Amino acid sequence: EGEFVSIMGPSGAGKTTLLNILGFLDKPSSGDLNI
């Protein structure tokens, strides 16, 4: 809590997918997650 984080990488790296999951816009296929 309170961190300022940048996610960087080329197009297709997974940045938008990760943000969508963190923002409850999408669900992961597997793994543990707490937001």
All heavy atoms as atom14 arrays in JSON, in Angstrom:
{
  "sequence": "EGEFVSIMGPSGAGKTTLLNILGFLDKPSSGDLNI",
  "atom14_mask": [
    [1, 1, 1, 1, 1, 1, 1, 1, 1, 0, 0, 0, 0, 0],
    [1, 1, 1, 1, 0, 0, 0, 0, 0, 0, 0, 0, 0, 0],
    [1, 1, 1, 1, 1, 1, 1, 1, 1, 0, 0, 0, 0, 0],
    [1, 1, 1, 1, 1, 1, 1, 1, 1, 1, 1, 0, 0, 0],
    [1, 1, 1, 1, 1, 1, 1, 0, 0, 0, 0, 0, 0, 0],
    [1, 1, 1, 1, 1, 1, 0, 0, 0, 0, 0, 0, 0, 0],
    [1, 1, 1, 1, 1, 1, 1, 1, 0, 0, 0, 0, 0, 0],
    [1, 1, 1, 1, 1, 1, 1, 1, 0, 0, 0, 0, 0, 0],
    [1, 1, 1, 1, 0, 0, 0, 0, 0, 0, 0, 0, 0, 0],
    [1, 1, 1, 1, 1, 1, 1, 0, 0, 0, 0, 0, 0, 0],
    [1, 1, 1, 1, 1, 1, 0, 0, 0, 0, 0, 0, 0, 0],
    [1, 1, 1, 1, 0, 0, 0, 0, 0, 0, 0, 0, 0, 0],
    [1, 1, 1, 1, 1, 0, 0, 0, 0, 0, 0, 0, 0, 0],
    [1, 1, 1, 1, 0, 0, 0, 0, 0, 0, 0, 0, 0, 0],
    [1, 1, 1, 1, 1, 1, 1, 1, 1, 0, 0, 0, 0, 0],
    [1, 1, 1, 1, 1, 1, 1, 0, 0, 0, 0, 0, 0, 0],
    [1, 1, 1, 1, 1, 1, 1, 0, 0, 0, 0, 0, 0, 0],
    [1, 1, 1, 1, 1, 1, 1, 1, 0, 0, 0, 0, 0, 0],
    [1, 1, 1, 1, 1, 1, 1, 1, 0, 0, 0, 0, 0, 0],
    [1, 1, 1, 1, 1, 1, 1, 1, 0, 0, 0, 0, 0, 0],
    [1, 1, 1, 1, 1, 1, 1, 1, 0, 0, 0, 0, 0, 0],
    [1, 1, 1, 1, 1, 1, 1, 1, 0, 0, 0, 0, 0, 0],
    [1, 1, 1, 1, 0, 0, 0, 0, 0, 0, 0, 0, 0, 0],
    [1, 1, 1, 1, 1, 1, 1, 1, 1, 1, 1, 0, 0, 0],
    [1, 1, 1, 1, 1, 1, 1, 1, 0, 0, 0, 0, 0, 0],
    [1, 1, 1, 1, 1, 1, 1, 1, 0, 0, 0, 0, 0, 0],
    [1, 1, 1, 1, 1, 1, 1, 1, 1, 0, 0, 0, 0, 0],
    [1, 1, 1, 1, 1, 1, 1, 0, 0, 0, 0, 0, 0, 0],
    [1, 1, 1, 1, 1, 1, 0, 0, 0, 0, 0, 0, 0, 0],
    [1, 1, 1, 1, 1, 1, 0, 0, 0, 0, 0, 0, 0, 0],
    [1, 1, 1, 1, 0, 0, 0, 0, 0, 0, 0, 0, 0, 0],
    [1, 1, 1, 1, 1, 1, 1, 1, 0, 0, 0, 0, 0, 0],
    [1, 1, 1, 1, 1, 1, 1, 1, 0, 0, 0, 0, 0, 0],
    [1, 1, 1, 1, 1, 1, 1, 1, 0, 0, 0, 0, 0, 0],
    [1, 1, 1, 1, 1, 1, 1, 1, 0, 0, 0, 0, 0, 0]
  ],
  "atom14_positions": [
    [[0.85, -1.19, 0.0], [0.0, 0.0, 0.0], [0.89, 1.25, 0.0], [1.87, 1.33, 0.74], [-0.91, 0.01, 1.23], [-1.99, -1.05, 1.2], [-2.9, -0.97, 2.4], [-2.7, -0.08, 3.25], [-3.82, -1.8, 2.51], [0.0, 0.0, 0.0], [0.0, 0.0, 0.0], [0.0, 0.0, 0.0], [0.0, 0.0, 0.0], [0.0, 0.0, 0.0]],
    [[0.56, 2.2, -0.85], [1.31, 3.45, -0.91], [2.5, 3.43, -1.84], [3.21, 4.43, -1.94], [0.0, 0.0, 0.0], [0.0, 0.0, 0.0], [0.0, 0.0, 0.0], [0.0, 0.0, 0.0], [0.0, 0.0, 0.0], [0.0, 0.0, 0.0], [0.0, 0.0, 0.0], [0.0, 0.0, 0.0], [0.0, 0.0, 0.0], [0.0, 0.0, 0.0]],
    [[2.73, 2.35, -2.56], [3.81, 2.3, -3.53], [3.4, 2.96, -4.85], [2.23, 2.97, -5.22], [4.25, 0.86, -3.81], [5.22, 0.29, -2.81], [5.94, -0.94, -3.33], [5.34, -2.02, -3.36], [7.13, -0.8, -3.71], [0.0, 0.0, 0.0], [0.0, 0.0, 0.0], [0.0, 0.0, 0.0], [0.0, 0.0, 0.0], [0.0, 0.0, 0.0]],
    [[4.39, 3.47, -5.56], [4.23, 4.01, -6.91], [5.07, 3.14, -7.82], [6.3, 3.16, -7.77], [4.69, 5.47, -6.94], [4.59, 6.14, -8.28], [3.85, 5.61, -9.33], [5.24, 7.35, -8.5], [3.76, 6.24, -10.56], [5.16, 8.0, -9.72], [4.42, 7.44, -10.76], [0.0, 0.0, 0.0], [0.0, 0.0, 0.0], [0.0, 0.0, 0.0]],
    [[4.39, 2.34, -8.66], [5.06, 1.29, -9.43], [4.81, 1.51, -10.93], [3.69, 1.77, -11.35], [4.53, -0.1, -9.03], [5.2, -1.19, -9.87], [4.77, -0.36, -7.55], [0.0, 0.0, 0.0], [0.0, 0.0, 0.0], [0.0, 0.0, 0.0], [0.0, 0.0, 0.0], [0.0, 0.0, 0.0], [0.0, 0.0, 0.0], [0.0, 0.0, 0.0]],
    [[5.88, 1.39, -11.72], [5.75, 1.39, -13.17], [5.91, -0.04, -13.68], [6.77, -0.78, -13.19], [6.83, 2.27, -13.82], [6.58, 3.63, -13.59], [0.0, 0.0, 0.0], [0.0, 0.0, 0.0], [0.0, 0.0, 0.0], [0.0, 0.0, 0.0], [0.0, 0.0, 0.0], [0.0, 0.0, 0.0], [0.0, 0.0, 0.0], [0.0, 0.0, 0.0]],
    [[5.1, -0.39, -14.66], [5.25, -1.67, -15.35], [5.69, -1.37, -16.77], [5.01, -0.65, -17.51], [3.93, -2.45, -15.36], [3.48, -2.73, -13.92], [4.09, -3.76, -16.12], [2.13, -3.4, -13.83], [0.0, 0.0, 0.0], [0.0, 0.0, 0.0], [0.0, 0.0, 0.0], [0.0, 0.0, 0.0], [0.0, 0.0, 0.0], [0.0, 0.0, 0.0]],
    [[6.85, -1.89, -17.14], [7.44, -1.58, -18.44], [7.72, -2.85, -19.22], [7.91, -3.92, -18.66], [8.71, -0.75, -18.25], [8.46, 0.6, -17.62], [9.98, 1.52, -17.23], [10.71, 1.62, -18.85], [0.0, 0.0, 0.0], [0.0, 0.0, 0.0], [0.0, 0.0, 0.0], [0.0, 0.0, 0.0], [0.0, 0.0, 0.0], [0.0, 0.0, 0.0]],
    [[7.75, -2.69, -20.54], [8.03, -3.81, -21.41], [7.51, -3.51, -22.81], [6.72, -2.58, -23.0], [0.0, 0.0, 0.0], [0.0, 0.0, 0.0], [0.0, 0.0, 0.0], [0.0, 0.0, 0.0], [0.0, 0.0, 0.0], [0.0, 0.0, 0.0], [0.0, 0.0, 0.0], [0.0, 0.0, 0.0], [0.0, 0.0, 0.0], [0.0, 0.0, 0.0]],
    [[7.93, -4.28, -23.8], [7.5, -4.04, -25.18], [6.02, -4.36, -25.38], [5.38, -4.96, -24.51], [8.39, -5.0, -25.99], [8.71, -6.11, -25.03], [8.82, -5.45, -23.68], [0.0, 0.0, 0.0], [0.0, 0.0, 0.0], [0.0, 0.0, 0.0], [0.0, 0.0, 0.0], [0.0, 0.0, 0.0], [0.0, 0.0, 0.0], [0.0, 0.0, 0.0]],
    [[5.48, -3.97, -26.52], [4.1, -4.32, -26.85], [3.95, -5.84, -26.84], [4.82, -6.57, -27.32], [3.73, -3.78, -28.23], [3.76, -2.37, -28.24], [0.0, 0.0, 0.0], [0.0, 0.0, 0.0], [0.0, 0.0, 0.0], [0.0, 0.0, 0.0], [0.0, 0.0, 0.0], [0.0, 0.0, 0.0], [0.0, 0.0, 0.0], [0.0, 0.0, 0.0]],
    [[2.86, -6.31, -26.26], [2.63, -7.74, -26.16], [3.29, -8.39, -24.96], [3.21, -9.61, -24.8], [0.0, 0.0, 0.0], [0.0, 0.0, 0.0], [0.0, 0.0, 0.0], [0.0, 0.0, 0.0], [0.0, 0.0, 0.0], [0.0, 0.0, 0.0], [0.0, 0.0, 0.0], [0.0, 0.0, 0.0], [0.0, 0.0, 0.0], [0.0, 0.0, 0.0]],
    [[3.9, -7.58, -24.09], [4.59, -8.15, -22.93], [3.63, -8.64, -21.86], [4.0, -9.46, -21.02], [5.55, -7.12, -22.34], [0.0, 0.0, 0.0], [0.0, 0.0, 0.0], [0.0, 0.0, 0.0], [0.0, 0.0, 0.0], [0.0, 0.0, 0.0], [0.0, 0.0, 0.0], [0.0, 0.0, 0.0], [0.0, 0.0, 0.0], [0.0, 0.0, 0.0]],
    [[2.4, -8.12, -21.86], [1.42, -8.52, -20.84], [1.03, -7.41, -19.9], [0.3, -7.65, -18.92], [0.0, 0.0, 0.0], [0.0, 0.0, 0.0], [0.0, 0.0, 0.0], [0.0, 0.0, 0.0], [0.0, 0.0, 0.0], [0.0, 0.0, 0.0], [0.0, 0.0, 0.0], [0.0, 0.0, 0.0], [0.0, 0.0, 0.0], [0.0, 0.0, 0.0]],
    [[1.48, -6.18, -20.18], [1.22, -5.06, -19.27], [-0.28, -4.79, -19.11], [-0.79, -4.69, -17.99], [1.92, -3.79, -19.78], [3.42, -3.92, -19.94], [4.08, -2.58, -20.27], [3.59, -1.96, -21.57], [3.91, -2.79, -22.77], [0.0, 0.0, 0.0], [0.0, 0.0, 0.0], [0.0, 0.0, 0.0], [0.0, 0.0, 0.0], [0.0, 0.0, 0.0]],
    [[-0.98, -4.66, -20.23], [-2.41, -4.36, -20.16], [-3.19, -5.51, -19.54], [-4.1, -5.3, -18.74], [-2.96, -4.04, -21.56], [-2.34, -2.83, -22.04], [-4.47, -3.85, -21.54], [0.0, 0.0, 0.0], [0.0, 0.0, 0.0], [0.0, 0.0, 0.0], [0.0, 0.0, 0.0], [0.0, 0.0, 0.0], [0.0, 0.0, 0.0], [0.0, 0.0, 0.0]],
    [[-2.81, -6.74, -19.88], [-3.48, -7.91, -19.28], [-3.34, -7.89, -17.77], [-4.32, -8.12, -17.04], [-2.89, -9.21, -19.84], [-3.1, -9.25, -21.26], [-3.54, -10.42, -19.2], [0.0, 0.0, 0.0], [0.0, 0.0, 0.0], [0.0, 0.0, 0.0], [0.0, 0.0, 0.0], [0.0, 0.0, 0.0], [0.0, 0.0, 0.0], [0.0, 0.0, 0.0]],
    [[-2.15, -7.59, -17.29], [-1.92, -7.54, -15.85], [-2.75, -6.44, -15.2], [-3.41, -6.67, -14.17], [-0.43, -7.33, -15.55], [-0.04, -7.27, -14.07], [-0.47, -8.54, -13.33], [1.46, -7.05, -13.92], [0.0, 0.0, 0.0], [0.0, 0.0, 0.0], [0.0, 0.0, 0.0], [0.0, 0.0, 0.0], [0.0, 0.0, 0.0], [0.0, 0.0, 0.0]],
    [[-2.77, -5.26, -15.8], [-3.57, -4.16, -15.23], [-5.05, -4.51, -15.23], [-5.76, -4.18, -14.28], [-3.34, -2.87, -16.02], [-2.06, -2.09, -15.74], [-2.14, -0.71, -16.4], [-1.79, -1.92, -14.25], [0.0, 0.0, 0.0], [0.0, 0.0, 0.0], [0.0, 0.0, 0.0], [0.0, 0.0, 0.0], [0.0, 0.0, 0.0], [0.0, 0.0, 0.0]],
    [[-5.52, -5.14, -16.29], [-6.94, -5.5, -16.35], [-7.31, -6.47, -15.22], [-8.39, -6.39, -14.64], [-7.28, -6.13, -17.7], [-7.35, -5.11, -18.81], [-7.44, -3.91, -18.57], [-7.31, -5.59, -20.04], [0.0, 0.0, 0.0], [0.0, 0.0, 0.0], [0.0, 0.0, 0.0], [0.0, 0.0, 0.0], [0.0, 0.0, 0.0], [0.0, 0.0, 0.0]],
    [[-6.41, -7.39, -14.91], [-6.66, -8.32, -13.81], [-6.61, -7.6, -12.47], [-7.47, -7.81, -11.6], [-5.67, -9.5, -13.86], [-5.97, -10.39, -15.08], [-5.74, -10.32, -12.57], [-4.97, -11.5, -15.3], [0.0, 0.0, 0.0], [0.0, 0.0, 0.0], [0.0, 0.0, 0.0], [0.0, 0.0, 0.0], [0.0, 0.0, 0.0], [0.0, 0.0, 0.0]],
    [[-5.63, -6.71, -12.3], [-5.52, -5.96, -11.05], [-6.71, -5.03, -10.84], [-7.05, -4.71, -9.7], [-4.22, -5.15, -11.02], [-2.91, -5.94, -11.1], [-1.72, -5.0, -10.91], [-2.87, -7.05, -10.08], [0.0, 0.0, 0.0], [0.0, 0.0, 0.0], [0.0, 0.0, 0.0], [0.0, 0.0, 0.0], [0.0, 0.0, 0.0], [0.0, 0.0, 0.0]],
    [[-7.35, -4.62, -11.94], [-8.48, -3.71, -11.85], [-9.83, -4.39, -11.9], [-10.85, -3.72, -12.1], [0.0, 0.0, 0.0], [0.0, 0.0, 0.0], [0.0, 0.0, 0.0], [0.0, 0.0, 0.0], [0.0, 0.0, 0.0], [0.0, 0.0, 0.0], [0.0, 0.0, 0.0], [0.0, 0.0, 0.0], [0.0, 0.0, 0.0], [0.0, 0.0, 0.0]],
    [[-9.87, -5.72, -11.75], [-11.12, -6.47, -11.74], [-11.86, -6.4, -13.08], [-13.07, -6.6, -13.14], [-12.06, -5.99, -10.63], [-11.46, -6.07, -9.24], [-10.85, -4.97, -8.67], [-11.49, -7.26, -8.52], [-10.31, -5.03, -7.4], [-10.95, -7.34, -7.25], [-10.35, -6.23, -6.69], [0.0, 0.0, 0.0], [0.0, 0.0, 0.0], [0.0, 0.0, 0.0]],
    [[-11.13, -6.1, -14.16], [-11.74, -6.11, -15.49], [-11.62, -7.49, -16.15], [-12.32, -7.77, -17.13], [-11.07, -5.06, -16.38], [-11.34, -3.6, -16.03], [-10.45, -2.69, -16.86], [-12.8, -3.25, -16.23], [0.0, 0.0, 0.0], [0.0, 0.0, 0.0], [0.0, 0.0, 0.0], [0.0, 0.0, 0.0], [0.0, 0.0, 0.0], [0.0, 0.0, 0.0]],
    [[-10.74, -8.32, -15.62], [-10.54, -9.66, -16.16], [-10.15, -10.57, -15.01], [-9.75, -10.11, -13.93], [-9.43, -9.63, -17.23], [-9.47, -10.82, -18.17], [-10.33, -11.71, -17.95], [-8.65, -10.86, -19.11], [0.0, 0.0, 0.0], [0.0, 0.0, 0.0], [0.0, 0.0, 0.0], [0.0, 0.0, 0.0], [0.0, 0.0, 0.0], [0.0, 0.0, 0.0]],
    [[-10.28, -11.87, -15.23], [-9.91, -12.84, -14.21], [-8.74, -13.68, -14.71], [-8.63, -13.96, -15.9], [-11.1, -13.75, -13.89], [-12.26, -13.05, -13.21], [-13.36, -14.04, -12.86], [-14.51, -13.35, -12.15], [-15.57, -14.32, -11.76], [0.0, 0.0, 0.0], [0.0, 0.0, 0.0], [0.0, 0.0, 0.0], [0.0, 0.0, 0.0], [0.0, 0.0, 0.0]],
    [[-7.86, -14.1, -13.8], [-6.75, -14.96, -14.22], [-7.24, -16.36, -14.56], [-8.32, -16.78, -14.13], [-5.85, -14.98, -12.98], [-6.78, -14.76, -11.84], [-7.85, -13.83, -12.35], [0.0, 0.0, 0.0], [0.0, 0.0, 0.0], [0.0, 0.0, 0.0], [0.0, 0.0, 0.0], [0.0, 0.0, 0.0], [0.0, 0.0, 0.0], [0.0, 0.0, 0.0]],
    [[-6.43, -17.08, -15.33], [-6.76, -18.48, -15.65], [-6.38, -19.4, -14.5], [-7.03, -20.43, -14.28], [-6.02, -18.9, -16.92], [-6.4, -18.07, -18.0], [0.0, 0.0, 0.0], [0.0, 0.0, 0.0], [0.0, 0.0, 0.0], [0.0, 0.0, 0.0], [0.0, 0.0, 0.0], [0.0, 0.0, 0.0], [0.0, 0.0, 0.0], [0.0, 0.0, 0.0]],
    [[-5.33, -19.04, -13.77], [-4.91, -19.83, -12.62], [-3.99, -18.99, -11.75], [-3.56, -17.9, -12.14], [-4.19, -21.12, -13.05], [-3.01, -20.81, -13.78], [0.0, 0.0, 0.0], [0.0, 0.0, 0.0], [0.0, 0.0, 0.0], [0.0, 0.0, 0.0], [0.0, 0.0, 0.0], [0.0, 0.0, 0.0], [0.0, 0.0, 0.0], [0.0, 0.0, 0.0]],
    [[-3.67, -19.49, -10.57], [-2.8, -18.78, -9.65], [-3.6, -18.14, -8.52], [-4.83, -18.09, -8.55], [0.0, 0.0, 0.0], [0.0, 0.0, 0.0], [0.0, 0.0, 0.0], [0.0, 0.0, 0.0], [0.0, 0.0, 0.0], [0.0, 0.0, 0.0], [0.0, 0.0, 0.0], [0.0, 0.0, 0.0], [0.0, 0.0, 0.0], [0.0, 0.0, 0.0]],
    [[-2.88, -17.65, -7.52], [-3.49, -16.98, -6.37], [-3.4, -15.48, -6.54], [-2.39, -14.96, -7.04], [-2.77, -17.39, -5.08], [-2.92, -18.89, -4.79], [-4.02, -19.42, -5.04], [-1.94, -19.5, -4.33], [0.0, 0.0, 0.0], [0.0, 0.0, 0.0], [0.0, 0.0, 0.0], [0.0, 0.0, 0.0], [0.0, 0.0, 0.0], [0.0, 0.0, 0.0]],
    [[-4.44, -14.77, -6.09], [-4.52, -13.34, -6.33], [-5.28, -12.66, -5.21], [-6.36, -13.12, -4.8], [-5.23, -13.09, -7.67], [-5.54, -11.66, -8.09], [-4.26, -10.86, -8.25], [-6.33, -11.66, -9.39], [0.0, 0.0, 0.0], [0.0, 0.0, 0.0], [0.0, 0.0, 0.0], [0.0, 0.0, 0.0], [0.0, 0.0, 0.0], [0.0, 0.0, 0.0]],
    [[-4.72, -11.59, -4.69], [-5.41, -10.76, -3.71], [-5.16, -9.29, -4.05], [-4.01, -8.86, -4.12], [-4.92, -11.07, -2.29], [-5.78, -10.4, -1.23], [-5.8, -9.18, -1.12], [-6.48, -11.19, -0.44], [0.0, 0.0, 0.0], [0.0, 0.0, 0.0], [0.0, 0.0, 0.0], [0.0, 0.0, 0.0], [0.0, 0.0, 0.0], [0.0, 0.0, 0.0]],
    [[-6.23, -8.58, -4.29], [-6.14, -7.16, -4.64], [-6.96, -6.37, -3.64], [-8.17, -6.57, -3.53], [-6.67, -6.9, -6.07], [-6.0, -7.82, -7.08], [-6.44, -5.45, -6.46], [-6.73, -7.9, -8.4], [0.0, 0.0, 0.0], [0.0, 0.0, 0.0], [0.0, 0.0, 0.0], [0.0, 0.0, 0.0], [0.0, 0.0, 0.0], [0.0, 0.0, 0.0]]
  ]
}
